[in-house]
């Protein structure tokens, strides 16, 4: 019997047997778990606490302290909770590889290069991305409480997972959060035929209590992680995502990732944002740009703003909700698809997942968890079913 060809319901049944009959060898359990990778099922559900423990154990194998592992896990798992598996714990394998290659480190301290009442310049010295980025936004949050607004730069930072986490960290404290970073070159300027600028993502988060915060999070071109997800699912990418050196559209995500030139969203608009983000993330941090800086470390900028220096916070929240009522209450072309505001769907999904205590994974993200499980010899989390 070829266990790797099991249907998902069969694998779940065998997992239950193992759970109540622990004498079944661990090797057999791993074989069963690997069967999910090849099943036609597109969604797998795991217990939230099991997922957290798995992530923390993986990170512990690479020398992270319990506190460090818990923080990095929080950054990643929050994206799973929000339904963004392509930027969640599925990125663990890449972060482990960053640590193994020396791109990222754990036994270093963030250095304060410049410290003024409302401004801070920091050097991560390669500290694993989320650890340095949380330090930077927390400095902004603390200083904004007394100064009204605060900003920080962070240089020599490995991949930080996703900008939304850091802007939302400020929003959770009642502040308006903003952050931006630059990345490896992937897209061409308008009219260009080579990779010159990075995807350079940014995020705003604005409190909207009692609703989930308004969250705007995007790069200026297509996400490589999203393309990898589409590749696993056998999907083609839109014609305006990537081109070859002759300007012909690329529809195969694997070809686009390997040798394609990504296109900025909105043509000159995305190009302009990408250039500004490169300067804020790289030049302001004295980091090299373009191909000069392809070493897996980047720069970022963070800002936190107190609302009540402009007007009473409660009045602000009331008017934010009034604005959202106006937007989401507008007519929809499809009555079955109501208007949503940015961050609403993922915010509600996170609340629902926290209540039920479980997280759903698509096939691409689940495969990535398998990869890091095999890389670190940490057993996969149990599948719920």
Protein backbone atom coordinates (compact mmCIF):
# COMPACT_ATOMS: atom_id res chain seq x y z
CA UNK A 1 0.00 0.00 0.00
CA UNK A 2 1.45 3.36 -1.04
CA UNK A 3 0.68 5.62 1.92
CA UNK A 4 1.83 8.76 0.08
CA UNK A 5 -1.17 8.33 -2.20
CA UNK A 6 -3.76 8.36 0.57
CA UNK A 7 -6.79 10.59 0.29
CA UNK A 8 -6.90 13.24 3.00
CA UNK A 9 -9.81 11.66 4.88
CA UNK A 10 -7.90 8.36 4.99
CA UNK A 11 -4.79 10.06 6.35
CA UNK A 12 -6.84 11.86 9.00
CA UNK A 13 -8.38 8.55 10.05
CA UNK A 14 -4.93 6.98 10.37
CA UNK A 15 -3.73 9.99 12.35
CA UNK A 16 -6.57 9.49 14.79
CA UNK A 17 -5.60 5.86 15.16
CA UNK A 18 -2.04 6.92 15.95
CA UNK A 19 -3.30 9.49 18.47
CA UNK A 20 -5.17 6.88 20.47
CA UNK A 21 -2.67 4.09 19.80
CA UNK A 22 0.72 5.73 20.39
CA UNK A 23 2.56 2.44 19.92
CA UNK A 24 2.37 2.99 16.16
CA UNK A 25 5.95 3.90 15.15
CA UNK A 26 6.72 7.60 14.66
CA UNK A 27 8.13 6.79 11.21
CA UNK A 28 4.71 5.53 10.13
CA UNK A 29 3.12 8.72 11.41
CA UNK A 30 5.53 10.82 9.34
CA UNK A 31 4.75 8.77 6.25
CA UNK A 32 1.05 9.35 6.85
CA UNK A 33 1.57 13.08 7.26
CA UNK A 34 3.56 13.24 4.03
CA UNK A 35 0.56 11.78 2.28
CA UNK A 36 -1.21 15.14 2.49
CA UNK A 37 1.31 16.63 0.14
CA UNK A 38 0.20 14.45 -2.72
CA UNK A 39 -3.52 14.33 -2.00
CA UNK A 40 -6.03 16.27 -4.11
CA UNK A 41 -7.29 18.10 -1.02
CA UNK A 42 -6.69 21.87 -1.19
CA UNK A 43 -7.26 22.84 2.47
CA UNK A 44 -5.84 21.33 5.67
CA UNK A 45 -6.89 22.43 9.18
CA UNK A 46 -4.64 22.34 12.24
CA UNK A 47 -5.07 23.30 15.87
CA UNK A 48 -3.70 26.79 16.54
CA UNK A 49 -1.74 25.79 19.63
CA UNK A 50 -0.22 22.81 17.80
CA UNK A 51 0.91 25.14 15.03
CA UNK A 52 2.47 27.55 17.50
CA UNK A 53 4.33 24.75 19.26
CA UNK A 54 5.57 23.42 15.92
CA UNK A 55 6.91 26.83 14.86
CA UNK A 56 8.60 27.43 18.19
CA UNK A 57 10.25 24.00 18.13
CA UNK A 58 11.52 24.62 14.60
CA UNK A 59 13.02 27.97 15.59
CA UNK A 60 14.55 26.48 18.74
CA UNK A 61 16.57 24.09 16.55
CA UNK A 62 18.37 27.15 15.18
CA UNK A 63 19.28 28.67 18.53
CA UNK A 64 16.42 31.09 19.18
CA UNK A 65 15.56 31.62 22.82
CA UNK A 66 12.04 30.79 23.98
CA UNK A 67 11.13 34.47 23.90
CA UNK A 68 12.59 35.01 20.43
CA UNK A 69 10.88 31.91 19.06
CA UNK A 70 7.53 32.98 20.53
CA UNK A 71 7.79 36.44 18.96
CA UNK A 72 8.75 35.22 15.48
CA UNK A 73 5.99 32.61 15.72
CA UNK A 74 3.48 35.34 16.59
CA UNK A 75 4.49 37.37 13.51
CA UNK A 76 4.08 34.39 11.19
CA UNK A 77 1.04 32.69 12.68
CA UNK A 78 -0.90 35.96 12.72
CA UNK A 79 -0.74 35.88 8.91
CA UNK A 80 -2.11 32.32 8.90
CA UNK A 81 -4.94 33.49 11.14
CA UNK A 82 -5.68 36.31 8.72
CA UNK A 83 -5.81 33.92 5.77
CA UNK A 84 -2.49 35.01 4.28
CA UNK A 85 -0.76 31.63 4.32
CA UNK A 86 1.70 32.68 1.61
CA UNK A 87 3.20 35.13 4.15
CA UNK A 88 2.66 33.07 7.29
CA UNK A 89 4.35 30.07 8.89
CA UNK A 90 4.89 28.67 5.40
CA UNK A 91 7.87 31.06 5.30
CA UNK A 92 9.57 29.20 8.16
CA UNK A 93 11.68 27.17 5.74
CA UNK A 94 13.10 30.33 4.18
CA UNK A 95 13.87 31.85 7.57
CA UNK A 96 15.62 28.65 8.69
CA UNK A 97 17.67 28.73 5.49
CA UNK A 98 18.53 32.38 6.18
CA UNK A 99 19.86 31.34 9.59
CA UNK A 100 21.76 28.36 8.19
CA UNK A 101 23.42 30.50 5.50
CA UNK A 102 24.39 33.30 7.87
CA UNK A 103 22.11 35.86 6.23
CA UNK A 104 20.18 36.02 9.52
CA UNK A 105 21.56 35.75 13.04
CA UNK A 106 20.11 35.47 16.55
CA UNK A 107 22.98 36.20 18.94
CA UNK A 108 23.40 39.88 18.06
CA UNK A 109 21.97 43.09 19.48
CA UNK A 110 20.27 45.91 17.62
CA UNK A 111 22.59 48.92 17.70
CA UNK A 112 21.27 52.44 18.24
CA UNK A 113 23.05 54.67 15.72
CA UNK A 114 21.17 57.88 16.44
CA UNK A 115 18.61 58.69 19.13
CA UNK A 116 16.51 61.86 19.26
CA UNK A 117 13.21 62.42 21.10
CA UNK A 118 11.08 61.44 18.08
CA UNK A 119 13.59 59.80 15.75
CA UNK A 120 15.80 56.71 15.96
CA UNK A 121 18.26 55.09 13.58
CA UNK A 122 18.94 51.40 14.25
CA UNK A 123 21.26 48.73 12.86
CA UNK A 124 20.00 45.13 13.10
CA UNK A 125 23.41 43.62 12.24
CA UNK A 126 21.58 40.73 10.58
CA UNK A 127 19.28 39.93 13.51
CA UNK A 128 16.45 37.71 12.25
CA UNK A 129 14.02 40.06 10.50
CA UNK A 130 10.96 40.03 12.79
CA UNK A 131 13.10 40.48 15.91
CA UNK A 132 14.71 43.68 14.63
CA UNK A 133 11.52 45.00 13.05
CA UNK A 134 9.48 44.55 16.25
CA UNK A 135 12.20 46.41 18.14
CA UNK A 136 11.97 49.30 15.65
CA UNK A 137 8.18 49.69 15.68
CA UNK A 138 8.08 49.33 19.47
CA UNK A 139 10.56 52.20 19.78
CA UNK A 140 8.24 54.28 17.59
CA UNK A 141 5.18 53.34 19.65
CA UNK A 142 6.88 54.26 22.91
CA UNK A 143 8.23 57.58 21.66
CA UNK A 144 4.97 58.55 19.97
CA UNK A 145 3.22 58.33 23.34
CA UNK A 146 5.18 61.38 24.49
CA UNK A 147 6.17 63.07 21.21
CA UNK A 148 2.95 62.58 19.22
CA UNK A 149 4.78 61.07 16.27
CA UNK A 150 7.94 59.00 16.02
CA UNK A 151 9.89 57.32 13.24
CA UNK A 152 12.74 54.85 13.07
CA UNK A 153 14.98 53.40 10.41
CA UNK A 154 16.42 49.90 10.54
CA UNK A 155 19.33 48.80 8.36
CA UNK A 156 20.96 45.42 7.71
CA UNK A 157 17.65 43.60 8.33
CA UNK A 158 16.92 40.12 6.89
CA UNK A 159 13.42 39.39 5.58
CA UNK A 160 10.79 40.69 8.02
CA UNK A 161 7.90 38.40 6.85
CA UNK A 162 5.18 41.01 6.13
CA UNK A 163 4.87 44.76 6.79
CA UNK A 164 1.25 44.61 7.97
CA UNK A 165 2.24 43.00 11.26
CA UNK A 166 4.28 46.03 12.31
CA UNK A 167 1.79 48.72 11.26
CA UNK A 168 -0.95 46.71 13.01
CA UNK A 169 1.18 46.51 16.14
CA UNK A 170 0.97 50.31 16.30
CA UNK A 171 -2.77 50.30 15.52
CA UNK A 172 -3.34 47.89 18.41
CA UNK A 173 -2.05 50.66 20.69
CA UNK A 174 -4.46 53.19 19.19
CA UNK A 175 -1.83 54.71 16.88
CA UNK A 176 -1.66 55.06 13.11
CA UNK A 177 1.14 52.79 11.92
CA UNK A 178 3.21 52.91 8.75
CA UNK A 179 6.22 50.97 7.55
CA UNK A 180 8.07 50.34 4.30
CA UNK A 181 11.09 48.35 3.17
CA UNK A 182 13.00 47.58 0.00
CA UNK A 183 13.75 44.12 -1.38
CA UNK A 184 15.80 42.34 -4.03
CA UNK A 185 15.39 43.76 -7.57
CA UNK A 186 12.44 42.19 -9.34
CA UNK A 187 10.65 44.76 -11.49
CA UNK A 188 11.55 47.06 -14.36
CA UNK A 189 10.82 50.78 -14.53
CA UNK A 190 8.17 51.71 -17.07
CA UNK A 191 9.60 50.91 -20.50
CA UNK A 192 12.50 48.90 -19.04
CA UNK A 193 13.58 45.33 -19.77
CA UNK A 194 15.60 44.33 -16.69
CA UNK A 195 15.11 43.93 -12.94
CA UNK A 196 16.04 47.25 -11.38
CA UNK A 197 13.88 47.87 -8.29
CA UNK A 198 12.37 45.62 -5.64
CA UNK A 199 8.77 44.79 -4.82
CA UNK A 200 9.30 47.20 -1.91
CA UNK A 201 6.17 46.59 0.21
CA UNK A 202 4.56 49.05 2.58
CA UNK A 203 1.69 49.04 5.04
CA UNK A 204 -0.64 51.47 6.76
CA UNK A 205 -2.83 50.45 9.70
CA UNK A 206 -5.49 52.76 11.16
CA UNK A 207 -7.54 51.90 14.28
CA UNK A 208 -11.25 51.41 13.57
CA UNK A 209 -12.58 50.06 16.88
CA UNK A 210 -14.85 48.16 17.30
CA UNK A 211 -14.15 47.02 13.76
CA UNK A 212 -10.85 45.43 12.74
CA UNK A 213 -8.29 48.08 11.77
CA UNK A 214 -8.03 49.46 8.27
CA UNK A 215 -4.96 47.73 6.85
CA UNK A 216 -3.35 48.54 3.52
CA UNK A 217 -0.43 46.23 2.74
CA UNK A 218 1.04 45.77 -0.72
CA UNK A 219 4.17 45.64 -2.81
CA UNK A 220 4.40 47.61 -6.02
CA UNK A 221 4.58 44.48 -8.18
CA UNK A 222 3.42 40.89 -7.90
CA UNK A 223 4.61 38.90 -4.89
CA UNK A 224 7.02 36.03 -5.51
CA UNK A 225 5.40 34.11 -2.65
CA UNK A 226 2.00 34.50 -4.29
CA UNK A 227 3.46 33.24 -7.58
CA UNK A 228 4.89 30.18 -5.82
CA UNK A 229 1.44 29.49 -4.39
CA UNK A 230 -0.12 29.72 -7.86
CA UNK A 231 2.60 27.47 -9.25
CA UNK A 232 1.74 24.73 -6.74
CA UNK A 233 -1.97 25.13 -7.49
CA UNK A 234 -1.35 24.89 -11.25
CA UNK A 235 -2.58 28.43 -11.95
CA UNK A 236 -1.33 30.88 -14.58
CA UNK A 237 -0.44 34.45 -13.69
CA UNK A 238 -2.14 37.46 -15.33
CA UNK A 239 -0.49 38.89 -18.45
CA UNK A 240 0.36 42.17 -16.73
CA UNK A 241 2.46 40.63 -13.95
CA UNK A 242 5.69 39.72 -15.73
CA UNK A 243 7.43 39.91 -19.12
CA UNK A 244 10.53 38.46 -20.76
CA UNK A 245 13.46 40.58 -21.99
CA UNK A 246 11.65 41.17 -25.29
CA UNK A 247 8.57 42.53 -23.54
CA UNK A 248 6.38 39.47 -24.11
CA UNK A 249 3.95 38.55 -21.30
CA UNK A 250 4.79 35.49 -19.17
CA UNK A 251 1.93 33.35 -17.91
CA UNK A 252 3.90 30.53 -16.23
CA UNK A 253 4.68 31.56 -12.62
CA UNK A 254 7.78 29.33 -12.46
CA UNK A 255 9.26 31.03 -15.53
CA UNK A 256 8.39 34.45 -14.13
CA UNK A 257 10.15 33.69 -10.85
CA UNK A 258 13.23 32.20 -12.51
CA UNK A 259 13.94 34.72 -15.26
CA UNK A 260 10.98 37.06 -15.74
CA UNK A 261 10.88 40.80 -15.23
CA UNK A 262 8.01 41.85 -12.99
CA UNK A 263 5.87 44.84 -13.92
CA UNK A 264 4.87 47.59 -11.49
CA UNK A 265 1.17 47.83 -10.72
CA UNK A 266 -0.45 50.87 -12.29
CA UNK A 267 2.57 51.44 -14.55
CA UNK A 268 4.14 54.82 -13.62
CA UNK A 269 2.22 54.93 -10.32
CA UNK A 270 3.69 51.67 -9.06
CA UNK A 271 7.06 52.58 -10.52
CA UNK A 272 7.06 55.90 -8.66
CA UNK A 273 6.07 54.29 -5.37
CA UNK A 274 8.70 51.60 -5.83
CA UNK A 275 11.43 54.18 -6.36
CA UNK A 276 10.37 56.23 -3.33
CA UNK A 277 10.16 53.09 -1.20
CA UNK A 278 13.68 52.12 -2.33
CA UNK A 279 15.01 55.48 -1.19
CA UNK A 280 13.17 55.34 2.16
CA UNK A 281 14.23 51.76 2.82
CA UNK A 282 17.71 51.70 1.30
CA UNK A 283 19.18 55.17 0.76
CA UNK A 284 17.93 56.58 4.06
CA UNK A 285 19.58 53.58 5.75
CA UNK A 286 22.86 53.93 3.82
CA UNK A 287 22.15 50.54 2.25
CA UNK A 288 23.09 49.65 -1.35
CA UNK A 289 20.29 49.62 -3.92
CA UNK A 290 19.50 47.37 -6.86
CA UNK A 291 21.84 44.53 -7.67
CA UNK A 292 24.49 46.10 -5.43
CA UNK A 293 22.44 45.07 -2.42
CA UNK A 294 21.51 41.46 -3.19
CA UNK A 295 22.71 39.85 0.03
CA UNK A 296 19.45 38.94 1.76
CA UNK A 297 19.53 41.95 4.07
CA UNK A 298 17.54 45.13 3.58
CA UNK A 299 16.46 48.39 5.19
CA UNK A 300 13.12 49.64 6.49
CA UNK A 301 11.42 52.71 7.88
CA UNK A 302 8.71 52.80 10.56
CA UNK A 303 6.34 55.57 11.74
CA UNK A 304 3.80 55.68 14.57
CA UNK A 305 1.41 58.62 15.01
CA UNK A 306 -0.81 59.47 17.98
CA UNK A 307 -4.33 60.43 16.95
CA UNK A 308 -5.18 62.50 20.00
CA UNK A 309 -2.58 65.17 19.27
CA UNK A 310 -4.88 66.22 16.42
CA UNK A 311 -8.31 65.57 17.93
CA UNK A 312 -9.94 63.44 20.67
CA UNK A 313 -9.32 59.77 19.91
CA UNK A 314 -12.93 58.71 20.56
CA UNK A 315 -14.25 61.29 18.10
CA UNK A 316 -11.70 60.13 15.54
CA UNK A 317 -12.82 56.51 15.87
CA UNK A 318 -16.46 57.53 15.54
CA UNK A 319 -15.70 59.38 12.32
CA UNK A 320 -13.55 56.53 10.99
CA UNK A 321 -16.50 54.19 11.49
CA UNK A 322 -18.82 56.73 9.87
CA UNK A 323 -16.51 56.81 6.84
CA UNK A 324 -16.44 53.01 6.71
CA UNK A 325 -20.24 52.88 6.95
CA UNK A 326 -20.36 55.22 3.97
CA UNK A 327 -17.95 53.06 1.95
CA UNK A 328 -19.24 49.57 2.72
CA UNK A 329 -22.84 50.74 2.53
CA UNK A 330 -22.43 51.86 -1.06
CA UNK A 331 -24.14 49.82 -3.81
CA UNK A 332 -22.40 46.66 -5.00
CA UNK A 333 -22.56 45.41 -8.59
CA UNK A 334 -23.11 41.95 -7.10
CA UNK A 335 -25.50 41.83 -4.12
CA UNK A 336 -23.88 38.55 -3.06
CA UNK A 337 -20.51 40.32 -2.77
CA UNK A 338 -20.86 43.24 -0.34
CA UNK A 339 -18.32 46.05 -0.35
CA UNK A 340 -15.41 45.51 2.04
CA UNK A 341 -12.83 47.94 3.36
CA UNK A 342 -9.10 47.10 3.32
CA UNK A 343 -8.29 44.77 6.20
CA UNK A 344 -11.92 43.90 7.00
CA UNK A 345 -12.04 40.40 5.52
CA UNK A 346 -8.69 39.31 6.99
CA UNK A 347 -9.47 40.99 10.31
CA UNK A 348 -12.79 39.16 10.64
CA UNK A 349 -11.14 35.90 9.58
CA UNK A 350 -8.54 36.32 12.30
CA UNK A 351 -11.23 36.87 14.93
CA UNK A 352 -13.11 33.78 13.76
CA UNK A 353 -9.97 31.63 13.74
CA UNK A 354 -9.00 32.76 17.23
CA UNK A 355 -12.45 31.79 18.52
CA UNK A 356 -12.38 28.35 16.89
CA UNK A 357 -8.70 27.84 17.77
CA UNK A 358 -7.78 26.44 14.35
CA UNK A 359 -6.02 27.53 11.17
CA UNK A 360 -6.57 26.48 7.56
CA UNK A 361 -3.70 25.89 5.14
CA UNK A 362 -3.68 25.77 1.37
CA UNK A 363 -1.54 23.17 -0.35
CA UNK A 364 1.41 25.50 -1.10
CA UNK A 365 1.80 26.68 2.51
CA UNK A 366 1.27 23.14 3.84
CA UNK A 367 4.02 21.84 1.55
CA UNK A 368 6.34 24.50 2.94
CA UNK A 369 5.64 23.30 6.47
CA UNK A 370 6.59 19.80 5.33
CA UNK A 371 9.82 21.20 3.96
CA UNK A 372 10.84 22.82 7.23
CA UNK A 373 9.70 19.74 9.17
CA UNK A 374 12.10 17.59 7.18
CA UNK A 375 14.83 20.25 7.35
CA UNK A 376 14.71 20.44 11.16
CA UNK A 377 13.40 16.95 12.04
CA UNK A 378 10.46 18.46 13.95
CA UNK A 379 7.22 16.47 13.65
CA UNK A 380 4.40 18.16 11.76
CA UNK A 381 1.39 19.52 13.69
CA UNK A 382 -1.58 17.19 13.90
CA UNK A 383 -4.26 17.66 11.28
CA UNK A 384 -7.74 18.37 12.62
CA UNK A 385 -10.57 16.35 11.19
